Full PDB file with SEQRES, HELIX, SHEET, SSBOND, CRYST1, ORIGX, SCALE, CONECT and MASTER records, all heavy atoms in Angstrom:
SEQRES   1 A   34  ILE ILE GLU ARG TRP GLY LYS ALA MET THR ILE GLU ARG          
SEQRES   2 A   34  PHE PHE VAL ASP ALA GLU LYS ARG LEU ASN THR THR ASP          
SEQRES   3 A   34  ASP GLU ASP ARG ARG LYS ARG LEU                              
HELIX    1 AA1 ILE A    2  ASN A   23  1                                  22    
HELIX    2 AA2 GLU A   28  ARG A   33  1                                   6    
CRYST1    1.000    1.000    1.000  90.00  90.00  90.00 P 1           1          
ORIGX1      1.000000  0.000000  0.000000        0.00000                         
ORIGX2      0.000000  1.000000  0.000000        0.00000                         
ORIGX3      0.000000  0.000000  1.000000        0.00000                         
SCALE1      1.000000  0.000000  0.000000        0.00000                         
SCALE2      0.000000  1.000000  0.000000        0.00000                         
SCALE3      0.000000  0.000000  1.000000        0.00000                         
ATOM      1  N   ILE A   1     -10.906   3.576 -20.636  1.00  0.00           N  
ATOM      2  CA  ILE A   1     -11.107   4.123 -19.292  1.00  0.00           C  
ATOM      3  C   ILE A   1     -11.214   2.991 -18.270  1.00  0.00           C  
ATOM      4  O   ILE A   1     -10.611   3.044 -17.188  1.00  0.00           O  
ATOM      5  CB  ILE A   1     -12.374   5.006 -19.265  1.00  0.00           C  
ATOM      6  CG1 ILE A   1     -12.102   6.331 -19.993  1.00  0.00           C  
ATOM      7  CG2 ILE A   1     -12.826   5.271 -17.831  1.00  0.00           C  
ATOM      8  CD1 ILE A   1     -13.326   7.206 -20.153  1.00  0.00           C  
ATOM      9  N   ILE A   2     -11.987   1.964 -18.606  1.00  0.00           N  
ATOM     10  CA  ILE A   2     -12.155   0.824 -17.688  1.00  0.00           C  
ATOM     11  C   ILE A   2     -10.822   0.118 -17.475  1.00  0.00           C  
ATOM     12  O   ILE A   2     -10.481  -0.286 -16.353  1.00  0.00           O  
ATOM     13  CB  ILE A   2     -13.210  -0.149 -18.250  1.00  0.00           C  
ATOM     14  CG1 ILE A   2     -14.588   0.519 -18.225  1.00  0.00           C  
ATOM     15  CG2 ILE A   2     -13.234  -1.444 -17.454  1.00  0.00           C  
ATOM     16  CD1 ILE A   2     -15.684  -0.277 -18.903  1.00  0.00           C  
ATOM     17  N   GLU A   3     -10.055  -0.015 -18.557  1.00  0.00           N  
ATOM     18  CA  GLU A   3      -8.742  -0.667 -18.426  1.00  0.00           C  
ATOM     19  C   GLU A   3      -7.812   0.172 -17.543  1.00  0.00           C  
ATOM     20  O   GLU A   3      -7.093  -0.373 -16.690  1.00  0.00           O  
ATOM     21  CB  GLU A   3      -8.127  -0.845 -19.816  1.00  0.00           C  
ATOM     22  CG  GLU A   3      -6.776  -1.548 -19.793  1.00  0.00           C  
ATOM     23  CD  GLU A   3      -6.173  -1.700 -21.177  1.00  0.00           C  
ATOM     24  OE1 GLU A   3      -6.802  -1.255 -22.161  1.00  0.00           O  
ATOM     25  OE2 GLU A   3      -5.060  -2.257 -21.290  1.00  0.00           O  
ATOM     26  N   ARG A   4      -7.848   1.492 -17.733  1.00  0.00           N  
ATOM     27  CA  ARG A   4      -7.010   2.365 -16.918  1.00  0.00           C  
ATOM     28  C   ARG A   4      -7.428   2.339 -15.441  1.00  0.00           C  
ATOM     29  O   ARG A   4      -6.595   2.335 -14.537  1.00  0.00           O  
ATOM     30  CB  ARG A   4      -7.091   3.801 -17.461  1.00  0.00           C  
ATOM     31  CG  ARG A   4      -5.873   4.639 -17.078  1.00  0.00           C  
ATOM     32  CD  ARG A   4      -5.849   5.966 -17.768  1.00  0.00           C  
ATOM     33  NE  ARG A   4      -6.673   6.951 -17.093  1.00  0.00           N  
ATOM     34  CZ  ARG A   4      -7.742   7.527 -17.611  1.00  0.00           C  
ATOM     35  NH1 ARG A   4      -8.129   7.220 -18.830  1.00  0.00           N  
ATOM     36  NH2 ARG A   4      -8.434   8.418 -16.921  1.00  0.00           N  
ATOM     37  N   TRP A   5      -8.768   2.295 -15.239  1.00  0.00           N  
ATOM     38  CA  TRP A   5      -9.268   2.220 -13.854  1.00  0.00           C  
ATOM     39  C   TRP A   5      -8.878   0.889 -13.211  1.00  0.00           C  
ATOM     40  O   TRP A   5      -8.521   0.833 -12.027  1.00  0.00           O  
ATOM     41  CB  TRP A   5     -10.785   2.373 -13.842  1.00  0.00           C  
ATOM     42  CG  TRP A   5     -11.391   2.259 -12.472  1.00  0.00           C  
ATOM     43  CD1 TRP A   5     -11.395   3.187 -11.491  1.00  0.00           C  
ATOM     44  CD2 TRP A   5     -12.053   1.103 -11.945  1.00  0.00           C  
ATOM     45  NE1 TRP A   5     -12.018   2.709 -10.377  1.00  0.00           N  
ATOM     46  CE2 TRP A   5     -12.445   1.417 -10.622  1.00  0.00           C  
ATOM     47  CE3 TRP A   5     -12.367  -0.160 -12.447  1.00  0.00           C  
ATOM     48  CZ2 TRP A   5     -13.125   0.522  -9.803  1.00  0.00           C  
ATOM     49  CZ3 TRP A   5     -13.058  -1.061 -11.648  1.00  0.00           C  
ATOM     50  CH2 TRP A   5     -13.430  -0.708 -10.333  1.00  0.00           C  
ATOM     51  N   GLY A   6      -8.895  -0.183 -13.990  1.00  0.00           N  
ATOM     52  CA  GLY A   6      -8.490  -1.494 -13.469  1.00  0.00           C  
ATOM     53  C   GLY A   6      -7.030  -1.488 -13.024  1.00  0.00           C  
ATOM     54  O   GLY A   6      -6.693  -2.040 -11.969  1.00  0.00           O  
ATOM     55  N   LYS A   7      -6.177  -0.834 -13.822  1.00  0.00           N  
ATOM     56  CA  LYS A   7      -4.769  -0.742 -13.435  1.00  0.00           C  
ATOM     57  C   LYS A   7      -4.612   0.103 -12.173  1.00  0.00           C  
ATOM     58  O   LYS A   7      -3.803  -0.220 -11.293  1.00  0.00           O  
ATOM     59  CB  LYS A   7      -3.955  -0.135 -14.572  1.00  0.00           C  
ATOM     60  CG  LYS A   7      -3.849  -1.039 -15.795  1.00  0.00           C  
ATOM     61  CD  LYS A   7      -3.032  -0.372 -16.891  1.00  0.00           C  
ATOM     62  CE  LYS A   7      -2.891  -1.287 -18.093  1.00  0.00           C  
ATOM     63  NZ  LYS A   7      -2.116  -0.648 -19.185  1.00  0.00           N  
ATOM     64  N   ALA A   8      -5.413   1.182 -12.090  1.00  0.00           N  
ATOM     65  CA  ALA A   8      -5.341   2.051 -10.907  1.00  0.00           C  
ATOM     66  C   ALA A   8      -5.783   1.293  -9.660  1.00  0.00           C  
ATOM     67  O   ALA A   8      -5.215   1.469  -8.563  1.00  0.00           O  
ATOM     68  CB  ALA A   8      -6.204   3.293 -11.121  1.00  0.00           C  
ATOM     69  N   MET A   9      -6.804   0.433  -9.795  1.00  0.00           N  
ATOM     70  CA  MET A   9      -7.284  -0.347  -8.652  1.00  0.00           C  
ATOM     71  C   MET A   9      -6.248  -1.374  -8.210  1.00  0.00           C  
ATOM     72  O   MET A   9      -6.104  -1.669  -7.011  1.00  0.00           O  
ATOM     73  CB  MET A   9      -8.594  -1.040  -9.015  1.00  0.00           C  
ATOM     74  CG  MET A   9      -9.784  -0.095  -9.087  1.00  0.00           C  
ATOM     75  SD  MET A   9     -10.053   0.799  -7.540  1.00  0.00           S  
ATOM     76  CE  MET A   9     -10.394  -0.557  -6.411  1.00  0.00           C  
ATOM     77  N   THR A  10      -5.529  -1.928  -9.184  1.00  0.00           N  
ATOM     78  CA  THR A  10      -4.453  -2.876  -8.831  1.00  0.00           C  
ATOM     79  C   THR A  10      -3.392  -2.164  -7.997  1.00  0.00           C  
ATOM     80  O   THR A  10      -2.908  -2.689  -6.975  1.00  0.00           O  
ATOM     81  CB  THR A  10      -3.821  -3.451 -10.106  1.00  0.00           C  
ATOM     82  OG1 THR A  10      -4.812  -4.165 -10.836  1.00  0.00           O  
ATOM     83  CG2 THR A  10      -2.667  -4.389  -9.768  1.00  0.00           C  
ATOM     84  N   ILE A  11      -3.045  -0.933  -8.407  1.00  0.00           N  
ATOM     85  CA  ILE A  11      -2.062  -0.153  -7.655  1.00  0.00           C  
ATOM     86  C   ILE A  11      -2.616   0.225  -6.282  1.00  0.00           C  
ATOM     87  O   ILE A  11      -1.905   0.196  -5.263  1.00  0.00           O  
ATOM     88  CB  ILE A  11      -1.666   1.097  -8.457  1.00  0.00           C  
ATOM     89  CG1 ILE A  11      -0.980   0.685  -9.770  1.00  0.00           C  
ATOM     90  CG2 ILE A  11      -0.754   2.007  -7.641  1.00  0.00           C  
ATOM     91  CD1 ILE A  11      -0.726   1.834 -10.713  1.00  0.00           C  
ATOM     92  N   GLU A  12      -3.927   0.562  -6.262  1.00  0.00           N  
ATOM     93  CA  GLU A  12      -4.554   0.936  -4.991  1.00  0.00           C  
ATOM     94  C   GLU A  12      -4.518  -0.241  -3.996  1.00  0.00           C  
ATOM     95  O   GLU A  12      -4.255  -0.054  -2.805  1.00  0.00           O  
ATOM     96  CB  GLU A  12      -6.001   1.379  -5.244  1.00  0.00           C  
ATOM     97  CG  GLU A  12      -6.809   1.677  -3.991  1.00  0.00           C  
ATOM     98  CD  GLU A  12      -6.267   2.852  -3.199  1.00  0.00           C  
ATOM     99  OE1 GLU A  12      -5.485   3.655  -3.763  1.00  0.00           O  
ATOM    100  OE2 GLU A  12      -6.619   2.989  -2.007  1.00  0.00           O  
ATOM    101  N   ARG A  13      -4.775  -1.433  -4.492  1.00  0.00           N  
ATOM    102  CA  ARG A  13      -4.719  -2.612  -3.619  1.00  0.00           C  
ATOM    103  C   ARG A  13      -3.305  -2.814  -3.081  1.00  0.00           C  
ATOM    104  O   ARG A  13      -3.102  -3.253  -1.940  1.00  0.00           O  
ATOM    105  CB  ARG A  13      -5.194  -3.858  -4.382  1.00  0.00           C  
ATOM    106  CG  ARG A  13      -6.713  -3.895  -4.603  1.00  0.00           C  
ATOM    107  CD  ARG A  13      -7.183  -5.274  -5.042  1.00  0.00           C  
ATOM    108  NE  ARG A  13      -6.644  -5.633  -6.351  1.00  0.00           N  
ATOM    109  CZ  ARG A  13      -7.232  -5.352  -7.504  1.00  0.00           C  
ATOM    110  NH1 ARG A  13      -8.388  -4.696  -7.511  1.00  0.00           N  
ATOM    111  NH2 ARG A  13      -6.696  -5.726  -8.636  1.00  0.00           N  
ATOM    112  N   PHE A  14      -2.329  -2.486  -3.917  1.00  0.00           N  
ATOM    113  CA  PHE A  14      -0.937  -2.570  -3.462  1.00  0.00           C  
ATOM    114  C   PHE A  14      -0.700  -1.642  -2.265  1.00  0.00           C  
ATOM    115  O   PHE A  14      -0.111  -2.040  -1.244  1.00  0.00           O  
ATOM    116  CB  PHE A  14       0.003  -2.220  -4.609  1.00  0.00           C  
ATOM    117  CG  PHE A  14       1.409  -1.921  -4.174  1.00  0.00           C  
ATOM    118  CD1 PHE A  14       2.304  -2.954  -3.897  1.00  0.00           C  
ATOM    119  CD2 PHE A  14       1.843  -0.604  -4.014  1.00  0.00           C  
ATOM    120  CE1 PHE A  14       3.601  -2.668  -3.476  1.00  0.00           C  
ATOM    121  CE2 PHE A  14       3.133  -0.333  -3.601  1.00  0.00           C  
ATOM    122  CZ  PHE A  14       4.018  -1.361  -3.330  1.00  0.00           C  
ATOM    123  N   PHE A  15      -1.176  -0.390  -2.380  1.00  0.00           N  
ATOM    124  CA  PHE A  15      -0.980   0.574  -1.293  1.00  0.00           C  
ATOM    125  C   PHE A  15      -1.760   0.165  -0.040  1.00  0.00           C  
ATOM    126  O   PHE A  15      -1.260   0.307   1.087  1.00  0.00           O  
ATOM    127  CB  PHE A  15      -1.397   1.978  -1.733  1.00  0.00           C  
ATOM    128  CG  PHE A  15      -0.400   2.654  -2.630  1.00  0.00           C  
ATOM    129  CD1 PHE A  15      -0.682   2.933  -3.965  1.00  0.00           C  
ATOM    130  CD2 PHE A  15       0.841   3.009  -2.127  1.00  0.00           C  
ATOM    131  CE1 PHE A  15       0.244   3.549  -4.765  1.00  0.00           C  
ATOM    132  CE2 PHE A  15       1.771   3.648  -2.937  1.00  0.00           C  
ATOM    133  CZ  PHE A  15       1.476   3.908  -4.259  1.00  0.00           C  
ATOM    134  N   VAL A  16      -2.985  -0.317  -0.222  1.00  0.00           N  
ATOM    135  CA  VAL A  16      -3.786  -0.749   0.937  1.00  0.00           C  
ATOM    136  C   VAL A  16      -3.087  -1.878   1.676  1.00  0.00           C  
ATOM    137  O   VAL A  16      -2.989  -1.887   2.924  1.00  0.00           O  
ATOM    138  CB  VAL A  16      -5.198  -1.180   0.483  1.00  0.00           C  
ATOM    139  CG1 VAL A  16      -5.942  -1.856   1.643  1.00  0.00           C  
ATOM    140  CG2 VAL A  16      -5.975   0.021  -0.016  1.00  0.00           C  
ATOM    141  N   ASP A  17      -2.580  -2.850   0.920  1.00  0.00           N  
ATOM    142  CA  ASP A  17      -1.894  -3.973   1.547  1.00  0.00           C  
ATOM    143  C   ASP A  17      -0.602  -3.510   2.221  1.00  0.00           C  
ATOM    144  O   ASP A  17      -0.264  -3.960   3.341  1.00  0.00           O  
ATOM    145  CB  ASP A  17      -1.583  -5.044   0.500  1.00  0.00           C  
ATOM    146  CG  ASP A  17      -1.002  -6.304   1.108  1.00  0.00           C  
ATOM    147  OD1 ASP A  17      -1.693  -6.962   1.893  1.00  0.00           O  
ATOM    148  OD2 ASP A  17       0.184  -6.595   0.802  1.00  0.00           O  
ATOM    149  N   ALA A  18       0.103  -2.582   1.552  1.00  0.00           N  
ATOM    150  CA  ALA A  18       1.339  -2.071   2.139  1.00  0.00           C  
ATOM    151  C   ALA A  18       1.060  -1.331   3.444  1.00  0.00           C  
ATOM    152  O   ALA A  18       1.818  -1.460   4.429  1.00  0.00           O  
ATOM    153  CB  ALA A  18       2.043  -1.151   1.146  1.00  0.00           C  
ATOM    154  N   GLU A  19      -0.008  -0.548   3.485  1.00  0.00           N  
ATOM    155  CA  GLU A  19      -0.347   0.198   4.709  1.00  0.00           C  
ATOM    156  C   GLU A  19      -0.750  -0.743   5.843  1.00  0.00           C  
ATOM    157  O   GLU A  19      -0.430  -0.496   7.019  1.00  0.00           O  
ATOM    158  CB  GLU A  19      -1.466   1.203   4.387  1.00  0.00           C  
ATOM    159  CG  GLU A  19      -0.983   2.374   3.524  1.00  0.00           C  
ATOM    160  CD  GLU A  19      -2.132   3.204   2.986  1.00  0.00           C  
ATOM    161  OE1 GLU A  19      -3.307   2.755   3.132  1.00  0.00           O  
ATOM    162  OE2 GLU A  19      -1.876   4.263   2.393  1.00  0.00           O  
ATOM    163  N   LYS A  20      -1.469  -1.801   5.514  1.00  0.00           N  
ATOM    164  CA  LYS A  20      -1.842  -2.783   6.537  1.00  0.00           C  
ATOM    165  C   LYS A  20      -0.590  -3.425   7.131  1.00  0.00           C  
ATOM    166  O   LYS A  20      -0.469  -3.605   8.354  1.00  0.00           O  
ATOM    167  CB  LYS A  20      -2.751  -3.849   5.938  1.00  0.00           C  
ATOM    168  CG  LYS A  20      -4.172  -3.368   5.673  1.00  0.00           C  
ATOM    169  CD  LYS A  20      -5.015  -4.505   5.105  1.00  0.00           C  
ATOM    170  CE  LYS A  20      -6.442  -4.048   4.831  1.00  0.00           C  
ATOM    171  NZ  LYS A  20      -7.263  -5.152   4.265  1.00  0.00           N  
ATOM    172  N   ARG A  21       0.310  -3.800   6.244  1.00  0.00           N  
ATOM    173  CA  ARG A  21       1.540  -4.438   6.717  1.00  0.00           C  
ATOM    174  C   ARG A  21       2.385  -3.448   7.521  1.00  0.00           C  
ATOM    175  O   ARG A  21       3.071  -3.824   8.478  1.00  0.00           O  
ATOM    176  CB  ARG A  21       2.342  -4.977   5.533  1.00  0.00           C  
ATOM    177  CG  ARG A  21       1.660  -6.142   4.820  1.00  0.00           C  
ATOM    178  CD  ARG A  21       2.441  -6.554   3.583  1.00  0.00           C  
ATOM    179  NE  ARG A  21       1.778  -7.641   2.879  1.00  0.00           N  
ATOM    180  CZ  ARG A  21       1.945  -8.943   3.162  1.00  0.00           C  
ATOM    181  NH1 ARG A  21       2.772  -9.293   4.157  1.00  0.00           N  
ATOM    182  NH2 ARG A  21       1.304  -9.869   2.488  1.00  0.00           N  
ATOM    183  N   LEU A  22       2.332  -2.187   7.131  1.00  0.00           N  
ATOM    184  CA  LEU A  22       3.119  -1.172   7.820  1.00  0.00           C  
ATOM    185  C   LEU A  22       2.652  -1.009   9.272  1.00  0.00           C  
ATOM    186  O   LEU A  22       3.468  -0.790  10.178  1.00  0.00           O  
ATOM    187  CB  LEU A  22       2.997   0.164   7.081  1.00  0.00           C  
ATOM    188  CG  LEU A  22       3.904   1.303   7.570  1.00  0.00           C  
ATOM    189  CD1 LEU A  22       5.380   0.923   7.413  1.00  0.00           C  
ATOM    190  CD2 LEU A  22       3.608   2.576   6.807  1.00  0.00           C  
ATOM    191  N   ASN A  23       1.349  -1.145   9.464  1.00  0.00           N  
ATOM    192  CA  ASN A  23       0.795  -0.999  10.819  1.00  0.00           C  
ATOM    193  C   ASN A  23       1.186  -2.147  11.752  1.00  0.00           C  
ATOM    194  O   ASN A  23       1.049  -2.040  12.976  1.00  0.00           O  
ATOM    195  CB  ASN A  23      -0.732  -0.885  10.755  1.00  0.00           C  
ATOM    196  CG  ASN A  23      -1.180   0.430  10.132  1.00  0.00           C  
ATOM    197  OD1 ASN A  23      -0.482   1.427  10.235  1.00  0.00           O  
ATOM    198  ND2 ASN A  23      -2.329   0.419   9.475  1.00  0.00           N  
ATOM    199  N   THR A  24       1.676  -3.211  11.165  1.00  0.00           N  
ATOM    200  CA  THR A  24       2.036  -4.370  12.004  1.00  0.00           C  
ATOM    201  C   THR A  24       3.537  -4.439  12.290  1.00  0.00           C  
ATOM    202  O   THR A  24       3.987  -5.343  13.000  1.00  0.00           O  
ATOM    203  CB  THR A  24       1.616  -5.684  11.308  1.00  0.00           C  
ATOM    204  OG1 THR A  24       2.307  -5.793  10.060  1.00  0.00           O  
ATOM    205  CG2 THR A  24       0.107  -5.697  11.056  1.00  0.00           C  
ATOM    206  N   THR A  25       4.304  -3.507  11.723  1.00  0.00           N  
ATOM    207  CA  THR A  25       5.754  -3.544  11.944  1.00  0.00           C  
ATOM    208  C   THR A  25       6.097  -3.015  13.333  1.00  0.00           C  
ATOM    209  O   THR A  25       5.462  -2.099  13.845  1.00  0.00           O  
ATOM    210  CB  THR A  25       6.491  -2.728  10.868  1.00  0.00           C  
ATOM    211  OG1 THR A  25       7.881  -2.852  11.061  1.00  0.00           O  
ATOM    212  CG2 THR A  25       6.105  -1.252  10.952  1.00  0.00           C  
ATOM    213  N   ASP A  26       7.111  -3.593  13.937  1.00  0.00           N  
ATOM    214  CA  ASP A  26       7.539  -3.196  15.280  1.00  0.00           C  
ATOM    215  C   ASP A  26       8.670  -2.176  15.243  1.00  0.00           C  
ATOM    216  O   ASP A  26       8.966  -1.537  16.253  1.00  0.00           O  
ATOM    217  CB  ASP A  26       8.009  -4.439  16.077  1.00  0.00           C  
ATOM    218  CG  ASP A  26       6.856  -5.416  16.313  1.00  0.00           C  
ATOM    219  OD1 ASP A  26       5.698  -4.936  16.392  1.00  0.00           O  
ATOM    220  OD2 ASP A  26       7.101  -6.633  16.377  1.00  0.00           O  
ATOM    221  N   ASP A  27       9.280  -2.058  14.113  1.00  0.00           N  
ATOM    222  CA  ASP A  27      10.415  -1.136  13.976  1.00  0.00           C  
ATOM    223  C   ASP A  27       9.871   0.266  13.695  1.00  0.00           C  
ATOM    224  O   ASP A  27       9.396   0.558  12.595  1.00  0.00           O  
ATOM    225  CB  ASP A  27      11.327  -1.606  12.847  1.00  0.00           C  
ATOM    226  CG  ASP A  27      12.634  -0.820  12.814  1.00  0.00           C  
ATOM    227  OD1 ASP A  27      12.634   0.339  13.283  1.00  0.00           O  
ATOM    228  OD2 ASP A  27      13.624  -1.361  12.295  1.00  0.00           O  
ATOM    229  N   GLU A  28       9.927   1.141  14.729  1.00  0.00           N  
ATOM    230  CA  GLU A  28       9.347   2.477  14.617  1.00  0.00           C  
ATOM    231  C   GLU A  28      10.047   3.312  13.559  1.00  0.00           C  
ATOM    232  O   GLU A  28       9.389   4.014  12.770  1.00  0.00           O  
ATOM    233  CB  GLU A  28       9.434   3.173  15.974  1.00  0.00           C  
ATOM    234  CG  GLU A  28       8.760   4.551  16.021  1.00  0.00           C  
ATOM    235  CD  GLU A  28       7.258   4.462  15.874  1.00  0.00           C  
ATOM    236  OE1 GLU A  28       6.694   3.361  16.069  1.00  0.00           O  
ATOM    237  OE2 GLU A  28       6.635   5.481  15.521  1.00  0.00           O  
ATOM    238  N   ASP A  29      11.363   3.239  13.521  1.00  0.00           N  
ATOM    239  CA  ASP A  29      12.110   4.027  12.522  1.00  0.00           C  
ATOM    240  C   ASP A  29      11.753   3.586  11.095  1.00  0.00           C  
ATOM    241  O   ASP A  29      11.563   4.414  10.201  1.00  0.00           O  
ATOM    242  CB  ASP A  29      13.610   3.890  12.749  1.00  0.00           C  
ATOM    243  CG  ASP A  29      14.035   4.562  14.057  1.00  0.00           C  
ATOM    244  OD1 ASP A  29      13.283   5.462  14.510  1.00  0.00           O  
ATOM    245  OD2 ASP A  29      15.089   4.188  14.583  1.00  0.00           O  
ATOM    246  N   ARG A  30      11.708   2.287  10.926  1.00  0.00           N  
ATOM    247  CA  ARG A  30      11.376   1.757   9.582  1.00  0.00           C  
ATOM    248  C   ARG A  30       9.952   2.140   9.187  1.00  0.00           C  
ATOM    249  O   ARG A  30       9.670   2.476   8.040  1.00  0.00           O  
ATOM    250  CB  ARG A  30      11.538   0.247   9.593  1.00  0.00           C  
ATOM    251  CG  ARG A  30      11.328  -0.403   8.208  1.00  0.00           C  
ATOM    252  CD  ARG A  30      11.747  -1.855   8.244  1.00  0.00           C  
ATOM    253  NE  ARG A  30      11.636  -2.457   6.932  1.00  0.00           N  
ATOM    254  CZ  ARG A  30      10.615  -3.217   6.527  1.00  0.00           C  
ATOM    255  NH1 ARG A  30       9.618  -3.477   7.389  1.00  0.00           N  
ATOM    256  NH2 ARG A  30      10.589  -3.729   5.328  1.00  0.00           N  
ATOM    257  N   ARG A  31       9.016   2.097  10.173  1.00  0.00           N  
ATOM    258  CA  ARG A  31       7.627   2.424   9.875  1.00  0.00           C  
ATOM    259  C   ARG A  31       7.494   3.873   9.416  1.00  0.00           C  
ATOM    260  O   ARG A  31       6.810   4.174   8.453  1.00  0.00           O  
ATOM    261  CB  ARG A  31       6.767   2.174  11.112  1.00  0.00           C  
ATOM    262  CG  ARG A  31       5.263   2.382  10.863  1.00  0.00           C  
ATOM    263  CD  ARG A  31       4.471   1.948  12.077  1.00  0.00           C  
ATOM    264  NE  ARG A  31       4.797   2.783  13.215  1.00  0.00           N  
ATOM    265  CZ  ARG A  31       4.287   4.008  13.410  1.00  0.00           C  
ATOM    266  NH1 ARG A  31       3.464   4.547  12.544  1.00  0.00           N  
ATOM    267  NH2 ARG A  31       4.624   4.701  14.484  1.00  0.00           N  
ATOM    268  N   LYS A  32       8.183   4.812  10.121  1.00  0.00           N  
ATOM    269  CA  LYS A  32       8.104   6.213   9.758  1.00  0.00           C  
ATOM    270  C   LYS A  32       8.714   6.453   8.369  1.00  0.00           C  
ATOM    271  O   LYS A  32       8.203   7.229   7.566  1.00  0.00           O  
ATOM    272  CB  LYS A  32       8.810   7.078  10.776  1.00  0.00           C  
ATOM    273  CG  LYS A  32       8.053   7.182  12.106  1.00  0.00           C  
ATOM    274  CD  LYS A  32       8.788   8.100  13.066  1.00  0.00           C  
ATOM    275  CE  LYS A  32       8.014   8.246  14.380  1.00  0.00           C  
ATOM    276  NZ  LYS A  32       8.694   9.154  15.333  1.00  0.00           N  
ATOM    277  N   ARG A  33       9.849   5.783   8.145  1.00  0.00           N  
ATOM    278  CA  ARG A  33      10.523   5.953   6.850  1.00  0.00           C  
ATOM    279  C   ARG A  33       9.632   5.447   5.699  1.00  0.00           C  
ATOM    280  O   ARG A  33       9.490   6.091   4.654  1.00  0.00           O  
ATOM    281  CB  ARG A  33      11.860   5.216   6.866  1.00  0.00           C  
ATOM    282  CG  ARG A  33      12.697   5.452   5.591  1.00  0.00           C  
ATOM    283  CD  ARG A  33      14.068   4.847   5.715  1.00  0.00           C  
ATOM    284  NE  ARG A  33      14.028   3.377   5.717  1.00  0.00           N  
ATOM    285  CZ  ARG A  33      14.178   2.623   6.802  1.00  0.00           C  
ATOM    286  NH1 ARG A  33      14.397   3.189   7.987  1.00  0.00           N  
ATOM    287  NH2 ARG A  33      14.140   1.301   6.723  1.00  0.00           N  
ATOM    288  N   LEU A  34       8.978   4.311   5.897  1.00  0.00           N  
ATOM    289  CA  LEU A  34       8.116   3.750   4.859  1.00  0.00           C  
ATOM    290  C   LEU A  34       6.813   4.531   4.691  1.00  0.00           C  
ATOM    291  O   LEU A  34       6.267   4.609   3.586  1.00  0.00           O  
ATOM    292  CB  LEU A  34       7.812   2.282   5.174  1.00  0.00           C  
ATOM    293  CG  LEU A  34       9.012   1.341   5.058  1.00  0.00           C  
ATOM    294  CD1 LEU A  34       8.629  -0.077   5.472  1.00  0.00           C  
ATOM    295  CD2 LEU A  34       9.553   1.336   3.616  1.00  0.00           C  
TER     296      LEU A  34                                                      
MASTER        0    0    0    2    0    0    0    6  295    1    0    3          
END                                                                             
């Protein structure tokens, strides 16, 4: 369970970082698509 949760947290950090980067993009069409 701990190992599975660790993998889930790694994926969660990926999404958090992706969302942060998405908020900084200037391309509106690309932002909506992503």
